[in-house]
Amino acid sequence: MPLETESLILRPRKAEDAKECYQLSACTPKFEDLWFRQTMMADPETMAYNHTWGGTIPFPEEHWKAWYEHWIVNHKNKRYYRYLKAEGFIGEIAYHYDDERLIYIADVLVYAPYRKKGYGGKGLALLCDAAKENGIAVLYDDIAADNPAVTLFLKNGFAEEYRTDEIIMLKKVLNGQHRSAQNTIPGEG
């Protein structure tokens, strides 16, 4: 029998309570924390989704400065990058403007030891919220056709735009005022 007070209802603990993830937040990584990105990019299990494009991605320290300048310091409202943080760093979320296709492409990556705990969906929600706050009308992601993450995106409001033998293009309208398939770059449209 639950105990009820003015602002709190207590109930017996349920099995699904153990599956809930820690409080999740998005944080801008410090330069010295790029070791975590390096670790994820080098991990075959984490990068298995990327097998179509070569799997793991080298991220040596000598590339950190240029990468950090591009993604964090001089993003020019075309790039957004954050670590997902719970009990420590557990993944990354990002989007970037693709100048050729004139769309914003999403990225959600959860480090393999932290998968199957609900972080992917919560990270994707944080990314969509940030994009909307930054004036992005629509997010896309081109996911390898055999990548099981397609389900994650579909469960979180993305819809299939089209598919080829290699990719599935997913799309989510972030506000109800979207009129075209293209986004404008904040400050330029």
Protein backbone atom coordinates (compact mmCIF):
# COMPACT_ATOMS: atom_id res chain seq x y z
CA MET A 1 0.00 0.00 0.00
CA PRO A 2 1.58 3.32 -1.06
CA LEU A 3 2.16 5.99 1.56
CA GLU A 4 0.77 9.33 0.35
CA THR A 5 1.82 12.76 1.54
CA GLU A 6 1.21 16.23 0.21
CA SER A 7 3.90 15.97 -2.52
CA LEU A 8 5.30 12.46 -2.41
CA ILE A 9 3.91 9.02 -3.13
CA LEU A 10 6.02 6.05 -2.08
CA ARG A 11 5.52 2.60 -3.57
CA PRO A 12 7.35 -0.69 -3.31
CA ARG A 13 10.40 -0.97 -5.55
CA LYS A 14 9.77 -2.64 -8.91
CA ALA A 15 12.14 -4.64 -11.12
CA GLU A 16 12.11 -1.96 -13.85
CA ASP A 17 13.50 0.56 -11.34
CA ALA A 18 16.89 -1.19 -11.60
CA LYS A 19 16.95 -0.57 -15.37
CA GLU A 20 16.69 3.21 -15.07
CA CYS A 21 19.87 5.05 -15.92
CA TYR A 22 21.64 7.65 -13.86
CA GLN A 23 20.74 11.29 -14.32
CA LEU A 24 22.04 12.12 -17.78
CA SER A 25 23.41 15.47 -18.88
CA ALA A 26 25.18 16.92 -21.89
CA CYS A 27 28.43 18.75 -21.15
CA THR A 28 31.02 20.51 -23.27
CA PRO A 29 34.21 18.45 -22.99
CA LYS A 30 37.39 20.08 -21.81
CA PHE A 31 40.35 19.69 -24.15
CA GLU A 32 42.08 17.34 -21.70
CA ASP A 33 38.97 15.10 -21.69
CA LEU A 34 39.35 14.18 -25.36
CA TRP A 35 40.97 10.95 -24.14
CA PHE A 36 37.39 9.67 -23.78
CA ARG A 37 36.54 10.34 -27.44
CA GLN A 38 39.81 8.68 -28.42
CA THR A 39 38.85 5.65 -26.32
CA MET A 40 35.39 5.36 -27.89
CA MET A 41 36.65 5.81 -31.46
CA ALA A 42 39.25 3.05 -30.93
CA ASP A 43 36.84 0.58 -29.33
CA PRO A 44 35.73 -2.09 -31.86
CA GLU A 45 32.49 -2.88 -29.99
CA THR A 46 31.48 0.79 -29.73
CA MET A 47 32.34 1.42 -33.38
CA ALA A 48 30.81 -1.79 -34.76
CA TYR A 49 27.95 0.29 -36.16
CA ASN A 50 30.53 1.97 -38.41
CA HIS A 51 31.72 -1.25 -40.09
CA THR A 52 30.31 -0.07 -43.44
CA TRP A 53 32.76 2.87 -43.34
CA GLY A 54 35.73 1.10 -41.78
CA GLY A 55 34.88 0.51 -38.11
CA THR A 56 37.16 2.20 -35.62
CA ILE A 57 38.42 5.73 -36.29
CA PRO A 58 41.91 6.86 -35.27
CA PHE A 59 41.87 9.99 -33.09
CA PRO A 60 45.53 10.56 -32.16
CA GLU A 61 46.47 13.33 -29.73
CA GLU A 62 48.17 15.36 -32.45
CA HIS A 63 44.72 15.86 -34.05
CA TRP A 64 42.96 16.97 -30.86
CA LYS A 65 43.77 20.67 -31.08
CA ALA A 66 42.45 21.14 -34.63
CA TRP A 67 39.38 19.01 -33.88
CA TYR A 68 38.65 20.95 -30.68
CA GLU A 69 39.02 24.30 -32.44
CA HIS A 70 36.67 23.17 -35.22
CA TRP A 71 33.95 21.50 -33.12
CA ILE A 72 34.05 23.37 -29.80
CA VAL A 73 35.71 26.78 -30.13
CA ASN A 74 34.86 27.90 -33.68
CA HIS A 75 31.64 26.02 -34.32
CA LYS A 76 30.09 28.99 -36.21
CA ASN A 77 26.58 27.76 -35.35
CA LYS A 78 27.19 24.89 -37.79
CA ARG A 79 28.39 22.32 -35.26
CA TYR A 80 27.35 21.17 -31.81
CA TYR A 81 29.23 18.58 -29.76
CA ARG A 82 28.73 17.40 -26.18
CA TYR A 83 29.69 14.45 -24.02
CA LEU A 84 26.92 12.49 -22.39
CA LYS A 85 27.66 12.30 -18.69
CA ALA A 86 26.04 10.09 -16.05
CA GLU A 87 28.29 8.48 -13.46
CA GLY A 88 31.12 9.58 -15.76
CA PHE A 89 31.42 10.09 -19.51
CA ILE A 90 29.26 7.53 -21.29
CA GLY A 91 28.94 8.80 -24.86
CA GLU A 92 28.60 11.76 -27.20
CA ILE A 93 25.92 13.69 -29.02
CA ALA A 94 26.52 16.05 -31.91
CA TYR A 95 25.11 17.61 -35.03
CA HIS A 96 26.74 19.39 -37.93
CA TYR A 97 25.60 21.29 -40.99
CA ASP A 98 26.27 19.44 -44.25
CA ASP A 99 27.06 22.17 -46.79
CA GLU A 100 26.46 19.89 -49.78
CA ARG A 101 23.06 18.55 -48.76
CA LEU A 102 22.04 21.70 -46.84
CA ILE A 103 20.87 19.71 -43.80
CA TYR A 104 21.89 19.14 -40.19
CA ILE A 105 23.11 15.60 -39.49
CA ALA A 106 22.72 14.13 -35.99
CA ASP A 107 25.15 11.87 -34.15
CA VAL A 108 24.50 9.86 -31.00
CA LEU A 109 27.13 7.43 -29.79
CA VAL A 110 27.00 5.54 -26.50
CA TYR A 111 30.18 3.82 -25.33
CA ALA A 112 29.58 0.04 -25.54
CA PRO A 113 29.78 -0.69 -21.76
CA TYR A 114 26.84 1.70 -21.21
CA ARG A 115 24.48 0.46 -23.92
CA LYS A 116 21.09 -1.09 -23.22
CA LYS A 117 20.51 1.23 -20.24
CA GLY A 118 18.34 3.88 -21.87
CA TYR A 119 21.13 6.38 -22.51
CA GLY A 120 20.73 6.44 -26.30
CA GLY A 121 17.14 7.64 -26.26
CA LYS A 122 17.80 10.17 -23.52
CA GLY A 123 20.89 11.42 -25.35
CA LEU A 124 18.93 11.77 -28.57
CA ALA A 125 16.27 13.79 -26.70
CA LEU A 126 18.97 16.07 -25.28
CA LEU A 127 20.40 16.54 -28.77
CA CYS A 128 17.00 17.38 -30.29
CA ASP A 129 16.30 19.85 -27.46
CA ALA A 130 19.67 21.56 -28.00
CA ALA A 131 19.16 21.72 -31.77
CA LYS A 132 15.71 23.25 -31.35
CA GLU A 133 17.05 25.79 -28.83
CA ASN A 134 19.76 26.68 -31.38
CA GLY A 135 17.19 27.38 -34.10
CA ILE A 136 17.48 24.13 -36.03
CA ALA A 137 14.15 23.22 -37.65
CA VAL A 138 14.95 19.67 -38.79
CA LEU A 139 17.56 17.05 -37.90
CA TYR A 140 18.54 14.17 -40.17
CA ASP A 141 20.70 11.12 -39.79
CA ASP A 142 21.98 8.83 -42.50
CA ILE A 143 22.41 5.50 -40.76
CA ALA A 144 23.88 2.36 -42.29
CA ALA A 145 21.02 0.18 -43.50
CA ASP A 146 22.02 -2.68 -41.20
CA ASN A 147 22.54 -0.50 -38.09
CA PRO A 148 20.11 -1.43 -35.30
CA ALA A 149 20.18 2.22 -34.09
CA VAL A 150 17.52 2.93 -36.71
CA THR A 151 14.99 1.63 -34.19
CA LEU A 152 16.23 4.08 -31.54
CA PHE A 153 15.67 7.02 -33.89
CA LEU A 154 12.25 5.80 -35.01
CA LYS A 155 11.15 5.36 -31.37
CA ASN A 156 12.23 8.95 -30.71
CA GLY A 157 10.21 10.74 -33.36
CA PHE A 158 12.36 10.38 -36.46
CA ALA A 159 10.75 9.10 -39.65
CA GLU A 160 12.29 7.40 -42.63
CA GLU A 161 12.83 9.90 -45.43
CA TYR A 162 14.30 7.38 -47.91
CA ARG A 163 16.61 4.38 -48.11
CA THR A 164 19.26 2.98 -50.40
CA ASP A 165 21.17 -0.29 -50.24
CA GLU A 166 23.72 1.45 -47.98
CA ILE A 167 21.82 3.93 -45.80
CA ILE A 168 18.48 4.86 -44.29
CA MET A 169 17.92 8.62 -44.16
CA LEU A 170 15.93 9.57 -41.08
CA LYS A 171 14.35 12.96 -40.39
CA LYS A 172 12.78 14.70 -37.41
CA VAL A 173 10.96 18.02 -37.58
CA LEU A 174 11.80 19.87 -34.37
CA ASN A 175 9.13 22.54 -34.61
CA GLY A 176 5.77 22.82 -36.32
CA GLN A 177 6.81 25.74 -38.52
CA HIS A 178 9.00 23.73 -40.91
CA ARG A 179 8.20 24.56 -44.55
CA SER A 180 11.00 22.99 -46.59
CA ALA A 181 13.49 20.16 -46.46
CA GLN A 182 16.31 22.63 -45.91
CA ASN A 183 17.50 24.32 -42.75
CA THR A 184 18.92 27.76 -42.45
CA ILE A 185 22.09 28.36 -40.56
CA PRO A 186 21.28 30.39 -37.43
CA GLY A 187 22.28 33.99 -38.00
CA GLU A 188 22.41 33.53 -41.77
CA GLY A 189 18.79 32.91 -42.69
